[in-house]
Amino acid sequence: MNKRKMYTIKEAAQLIDGINEFRIRTMCRTGELRAFKAGRKFLIAEDDLYAAVFGANSITDSIPVENGGAA
């Protein structure tokens, strides 16, 4: 079973420059950012955070692809 890294709103805002807690909370409430509530806190999965902010393929886009030895 894969464990997903989860962030609170405060942690998510600290991770991404230019987005504050208010914006993250708004994105959670409107459904723009997938999150679930645990008590009074929103919890956000790392991959959902990056997908909502940078686009669906943001995590795989940042991984360098080998050229296969072609010169």
Foldseek 3Di string as FASTA:
>chain_A
DDDFDKDWLCRLQVVDPPDHSVNSVVCPVVVLAPWDDDDNITIHTPLSSCCSPPNNCVVVVVDDDDPVPDD
